[in-house]
Structure formats: C-alpha cells, structure tokens
C-alpha cells in the first residue's frame, strides 16, 4: 500500500516543527536541535576508547 503525498508532507512538517521549532521548558526554551548542538559543542566525545573508559589499574 502506497502512502498518499499529503500524509508524507504532513509527517515532514510535524518532524520539522518537533525538532526545530518546538520550545520545551525542560531544555531551557530552546529547540531540541539547538540544545543537542550546544551539548556536543561543550562536551565533545573522547577521541579514543581508552579515554572514554576509566582505568581499572
């Protein structure tokens, strides 16, 4: 069964609103995409596995 074009367009608009325009209070009234971008900018991932895991020795 093929989806109708209006259904796809409606889901795309909802996804854009939900990720880029919605302002949840739990995230400080910033869109989720912006919050995630700021999080990774201030807390970059470790470059190696050894740096990510605490030493047991």
PDB file of N, CA and C in Angstrom:
ATOM      1  N   UNK A   1       0.837  -1.187   0.000  1.00  0.00           N
ATOM      2  CA  UNK A   1       0.000   0.000   0.000  1.00  0.00           C
ATOM      3  C   UNK A   1       0.884   1.253   0.000  1.00  0.00           C
ATOM      4  N   UNK A   2       0.694   2.111  -0.948  1.00  0.00           N
ATOM      5  CA  UNK A   2       1.480   3.343  -1.037  1.00  0.00           C
ATOM      6  C   UNK A   2       0.864   4.429  -0.166  1.00  0.00           C
ATOM      7  N   UNK A   3       1.738   5.243   0.375  1.00  0.00           N
ATOM      8  CA  UNK A   3       1.256   6.384   1.160  1.00  0.00           C
ATOM      9  C   UNK A   3       0.860   7.514   0.231  1.00  0.00           C
ATOM     10  N   UNK A   4      -0.096   8.258   0.676  1.00  0.00           N
ATOM     11  CA  UNK A   4      -0.512   9.422  -0.094  1.00  0.00           C
ATOM     12  C   UNK A   4       0.464  10.559   0.177  1.00  0.00           C
ATOM     13  N   UNK A   5       0.688  11.393  -0.803  1.00  0.00           N
ATOM     14  CA  UNK A   5       1.608  12.517  -0.648  1.00  0.00           C
ATOM     15  C   UNK A   5       1.236  13.450   0.510  1.00  0.00           C
ATOM     16  N   UNK A   6      -0.024  13.773   0.716  1.00  0.00           N
ATOM     17  CA  UNK A   6      -0.348  14.653   1.846  1.00  0.00           C
ATOM     18  C   UNK A   6       0.081  14.062   3.191  1.00  0.00           C
ATOM     19  N   UNK A   7       0.016  12.726   3.339  1.00  0.00           N
ATOM     20  CA  UNK A   7       0.444  12.095   4.584  1.00  0.00           C
ATOM     21  C   UNK A   7       1.939  12.292   4.796  1.00  0.00           C
ATOM     22  N   UNK A   8       2.736  12.135   3.762  1.00  0.00           N
ATOM     23  CA  UNK A   8       4.183  12.301   3.861  1.00  0.00           C
ATOM     24  C   UNK A   8       4.521  13.756   4.171  1.00  0.00           C
ATOM     25  N   UNK A   9       3.874  14.678   3.494  1.00  0.00           N
ATOM     26  CA  UNK A   9       4.125  16.102   3.728  1.00  0.00           C
ATOM     27  C   UNK A   9       3.722  16.500   5.151  1.00  0.00           C
ATOM     28  N   UNK A  10       2.631  15.951   5.632  1.00  0.00           N
ATOM     29  CA  UNK A  10       2.175  16.260   6.988  1.00  0.00           C
ATOM     30  C   UNK A  10       3.182  15.756   8.021  1.00  0.00           C
ATOM     31  N   UNK A  11       3.707  14.553   7.816  1.00  0.00           N
ATOM     32  CA  UNK A  11       4.693  13.997   8.740  1.00  0.00           C
ATOM     33  C   UNK A  11       5.992  14.785   8.697  1.00  0.00           C
ATOM     34  N   UNK A  12       6.381  15.246   7.527  1.00  0.00           N
ATOM     35  CA  UNK A  12       7.592  16.053   7.396  1.00  0.00           C
ATOM     36  C   UNK A  12       7.428  17.385   8.124  1.00  0.00           C
ATOM     37  N   UNK A  13       6.282  18.038   7.970  1.00  0.00           N
ATOM     38  CA  UNK A  13       6.032  19.293   8.686  1.00  0.00           C
ATOM     39  C   UNK A  13       6.057  19.078  10.198  1.00  0.00           C
ATOM     40  N   UNK A  14       5.479  17.973  10.660  1.00  0.00           N
ATOM     41  CA  UNK A  14       5.477  17.669  12.083  1.00  0.00           C
ATOM     42  C   UNK A  14       6.899  17.438  12.587  1.00  0.00           C
ATOM     43  N   UNK A  15       7.705  16.718  11.829  1.00  0.00           N
ATOM     44  CA  UNK A  15       9.086  16.458  12.235  1.00  0.00           C
ATOM     45  C   UNK A  15       9.883  17.753  12.305  1.00  0.00           C
ATOM     46  N   UNK A  16       9.719  18.628  11.334  1.00  0.00           N
ATOM     47  CA  UNK A  16      10.427  19.916  11.339  1.00  0.00           C
ATOM     48  C   UNK A  16      10.000  20.741  12.549  1.00  0.00           C
ATOM     49  N   UNK A  17       8.700  20.794  12.809  1.00  0.00           N
ATOM     50  CA  UNK A  17       8.232  21.547  13.979  1.00  0.00           C
ATOM     51  C   UNK A  17       8.768  20.933  15.273  1.00  0.00           C
ATOM     52  N   UNK A  18       8.683  19.607  15.390  1.00  0.00           N
ATOM     53  CA  UNK A  18       9.047  18.932  16.634  1.00  0.00           C
ATOM     54  C   UNK A  18      10.531  19.092  16.943  1.00  0.00           C
ATOM     55  N   UNK A  19      11.396  19.049  15.955  1.00  0.00           N
ATOM     56  CA  UNK A  19      12.837  19.114  16.193  1.00  0.00           C
ATOM     57  C   UNK A  19      13.436  20.508  16.088  1.00  0.00           C
ATOM     58  N   UNK A  20      12.834  21.396  15.304  1.00  0.00           N
ATOM     59  CA  UNK A  20      13.468  22.681  15.026  1.00  0.00           C
ATOM     60  C   UNK A  20      12.732  23.895  15.576  1.00  0.00           C
ATOM     61  N   UNK A  21      11.451  23.785  15.864  1.00  0.00           N
ATOM     62  CA  UNK A  21      10.694  24.965  16.286  1.00  0.00           C
ATOM     63  C   UNK A  21      10.082  24.852  17.672  1.00  0.00           C
ATOM     64  N   UNK A  22       9.887  23.649  18.167  1.00  0.00           N
ATOM     65  CA  UNK A  22       9.273  23.442  19.477  1.00  0.00           C
ATOM     66  C   UNK A  22      10.212  23.957  20.558  1.00  0.00           C
ATOM     67  N   UNK A  23       9.675  24.561  21.603  1.00  0.00           N
ATOM     68  CA  UNK A  23      10.482  25.124  22.684  1.00  0.00           C
ATOM     69  C   UNK A  23      10.094  24.488  24.019  1.00  0.00           C
ATOM     70  N   UNK A  24      10.641  23.292  24.309  1.00  0.00           N
ATOM     71  CA  UNK A  24      10.287  22.644  25.576  1.00  0.00           C
ATOM     72  C   UNK A  24      10.947  23.323  26.771  1.00  0.00           C
ATOM     73  N   UNK A  25      10.193  23.507  27.832  1.00  0.00           N
ATOM     74  CA  UNK A  25      10.708  24.144  29.035  1.00  0.00           C
ATOM     75  C   UNK A  25      11.829  23.352  29.693  1.00  0.00           C
ATOM     76  N   UNK A  26      11.805  22.024  29.567  1.00  0.00           N
ATOM     77  CA  UNK A  26      12.835  21.192  30.182  1.00  0.00           C
ATOM     78  C   UNK A  26      14.210  21.455  29.586  1.00  0.00           C
ATOM     79  N   UNK A  27      14.255  21.975  28.382  1.00  0.00           N
ATOM     80  CA  UNK A  27      15.533  22.240  27.709  1.00  0.00           C
ATOM     81  C   UNK A  27      15.896  23.716  27.738  1.00  0.00           C
ATOM     82  N   UNK A  28      15.229  24.485  28.576  1.00  0.00           N
ATOM     83  CA  UNK A  28      15.547  25.903  28.691  1.00  0.00           C
ATOM     84  C   UNK A  28      14.956  26.750  27.580  1.00  0.00           C
ATOM     85  N   UNK A  29      13.831  26.312  27.043  1.00  0.00           N
ATOM     86  CA  UNK A  29      13.116  27.051  25.991  1.00  0.00           C
ATOM     87  C   UNK A  29      13.950  27.230  24.729  1.00  0.00           C
ATOM     88  N   UNK A  30      14.733  26.219  24.371  1.00  0.00           N
ATOM     89  CA  UNK A  30      15.457  26.213  23.098  1.00  0.00           C
ATOM     90  C   UNK A  30      15.017  24.978  22.322  1.00  0.00           C
ATOM     91  N   UNK A  31      15.042  25.029  20.993  1.00  0.00           N
ATOM     92  CA  UNK A  31      14.659  23.869  20.192  1.00  0.00           C
ATOM     93  C   UNK A  31      15.585  22.679  20.477  1.00  0.00           C
ATOM     94  N   UNK A  32      15.069  21.446  20.391  1.00  0.00           N
ATOM     95  CA  UNK A  32      15.877  20.274  20.663  1.00  0.00           C
ATOM     96  C   UNK A  32      17.153  20.192  19.823  1.00  0.00           C
ATOM     97  N   UNK A  33      17.084  20.567  18.563  1.00  0.00           N
ATOM     98  CA  UNK A  33      18.269  20.509  17.699  1.00  0.00           C
ATOM     99  C   UNK A  33      19.350  21.458  18.219  1.00  0.00           C
ATOM    100  N   UNK A  34      18.963  22.657  18.627  1.00  0.00           N
ATOM    101  CA  UNK A  34      19.923  23.630  19.149  1.00  0.00           C
ATOM    102  C   UNK A  34      20.507  23.149  20.481  1.00  0.00           C
ATOM    103  N   UNK A  35      19.669  22.560  21.338  1.00  0.00           N
ATOM    104  CA  UNK A  35      20.140  22.043  22.624  1.00  0.00           C
ATOM    105  C   UNK A  35      21.179  20.943  22.407  1.00  0.00           C
ATOM    106  N   UNK A  36      20.904  20.029  21.482  1.00  0.00           N
ATOM    107  CA  UNK A  36      21.837  18.937  21.196  1.00  0.00           C
ATOM    108  C   UNK A  36      23.144  19.479  20.624  1.00  0.00           C
ATOM    109  N   UNK A  37      23.044  20.443  19.723  1.00  0.00           N
ATOM    110  CA  UNK A  37      24.244  21.050  19.148  1.00  0.00           C
ATOM    111  C   UNK A  37      25.107  21.682  20.245  1.00  0.00           C
ATOM    112  N   UNK A  38      24.493  22.442  21.143  1.00  0.00           N
ATOM    113  CA  UNK A  38      25.229  23.074  22.241  1.00  0.00           C
ATOM    114  C   UNK A  38      25.842  22.034  23.170  1.00  0.00           C
ATOM    115  N   UNK A  39      25.109  20.961  23.429  1.00  0.00           N
ATOM    116  CA  UNK A  39      25.618  19.910  24.311  1.00  0.00           C
ATOM    117  C   UNK A  39      26.906  19.308  23.747  1.00  0.00           C
ATOM    118  N   UNK A  40      26.894  18.928  22.486  1.00  0.00           N
ATOM    119  CA  UNK A  40      28.074  18.302  21.890  1.00  0.00           C
ATOM    120  C   UNK A  40      29.207  19.299  21.664  1.00  0.00           C
ATOM    121  N   UNK A  41      28.881  20.572  21.515  1.00  0.00           N
ATOM    122  CA  UNK A  41      29.929  21.578  21.368  1.00  0.00           C
ATOM    123  C   UNK A  41      30.680  21.760  22.678  1.00  0.00           C
ATOM    124  N   UNK A  42      29.966  21.684  23.819  1.00  0.00           N
ATOM    125  CA  UNK A  42      30.592  21.892  25.120  1.00  0.00           C
ATOM    126  C   UNK A  42      31.111  20.602  25.750  1.00  0.00           C
ATOM    127  N   UNK A  43      30.649  19.456  25.285  1.00  0.00           N
ATOM    128  CA  UNK A  43      31.078  18.166  25.836  1.00  0.00           C
ATOM    129  C   UNK A  43      31.449  17.232  24.689  1.00  0.00           C
ATOM    130  N   UNK A  44      32.586  17.483  24.027  1.00  0.00           N
ATOM    131  CA  UNK A  44      32.948  16.650  22.880  1.00  0.00           C
ATOM    132  C   UNK A  44      33.218  15.204  23.298  1.00  0.00           C
ATOM    133  N   UNK A  45      32.990  14.313  22.392  1.00  0.00           N
ATOM    134  CA  UNK A  45      33.221  12.896  22.652  1.00  0.00           C
ATOM    135  C   UNK A  45      34.717  12.626  22.764  1.00  0.00           C
ATOM    136  N   UNK A  46      35.115  11.683  23.604  1.00  0.00           N
ATOM    137  CA  UNK A  46      36.536  11.333  23.694  1.00  0.00           C
ATOM    138  C   UNK A  46      37.041  10.810  22.354  1.00  0.00           C
ATOM    139  N   UNK A  47      38.310  11.009  22.108  1.00  0.00           N
ATOM    140  CA  UNK A  47      38.857  10.609  20.815  1.00  0.00           C
ATOM    141  C   UNK A  47      39.218   9.134  20.764  1.00  0.00           C
ATOM    142  N   UNK A  48      39.429   8.487  21.910  1.00  0.00           N
ATOM    143  CA  UNK A  48      39.778   7.069  21.925  1.00  0.00           C
ATOM    144  C   UNK A  48      38.904   6.335  22.937  1.00  0.00           C
ATOM    145  N   UNK A  49      38.837   5.041  22.791  1.00  0.00           N
ATOM    146  CA  UNK A  49      38.077   4.228  23.733  1.00  0.00           C
ATOM    147  C   UNK A  49      38.740   4.283  25.106  1.00  0.00           C
ATOM    148  N   UNK A  50      40.062   4.268  25.140  1.00  0.00           N
ATOM    149  CA  UNK A  50      40.779   4.311  26.409  1.00  0.00           C
ATOM    150  C   UNK A  50      40.458   5.592  27.195  1.00  0.00           C
ATOM    151  N   UNK A  51      40.294   6.686  26.491  1.00  0.00           N
ATOM    152  CA  UNK A  51      39.969   7.953  27.151  1.00  0.00           C
ATOM    153  C   UNK A  51      38.535   7.949  27.690  1.00  0.00           C
ATOM    154  N   UNK A  52      37.645   7.164  27.060  1.00  0.00           N
ATOM    155  CA  UNK A  52      36.258   7.139  27.479  1.00  0.00           C
ATOM    156  C   UNK A  52      36.014   6.248  28.693  1.00  0.00           C
ATOM    157  N   UNK A  53      36.865   5.225  28.876  1.00  0.00           N
ATOM    158  CA  UNK A  53      36.669   4.278  29.962  1.00  0.00           C
ATOM    159  C   UNK A  53      37.617   4.570  31.124  1.00  0.00           C
ATOM    160  N   UNK A  54      37.110   4.512  32.341  1.00  0.00           N
ATOM    161  CA  UNK A  54      38.002   4.728  33.477  1.00  0.00           C
ATOM    162  C   UNK A  54      38.969   3.543  33.617  1.00  0.00           C
ATOM    163  N   UNK A  55      40.139   3.823  34.065  1.00  0.00           N
ATOM    164  CA  UNK A  55      41.159   2.785  34.240  1.00  0.00           C
ATOM    165  C   UNK A  55      40.826   1.921  35.447  1.00  0.00           C
ATOM    166  N   UNK A  56      41.058   0.617  35.326  1.00  0.00           N
ATOM    167  CA  UNK A  56      40.837  -0.303  36.441  1.00  0.00           C
ATOM    168  C   UNK A  56      42.135  -0.593  37.183  1.00  0.00           C
ATOM    169  N   UNK A  57      43.217   0.001  36.777  1.00  0.00           N
ATOM    170  CA  UNK A  57      44.535  -0.256  37.390  1.00  0.00           C
ATOM    171  C   UNK A  57      44.932   0.870  38.294  1.00  0.00           C
TER     172      UNK A  57
END
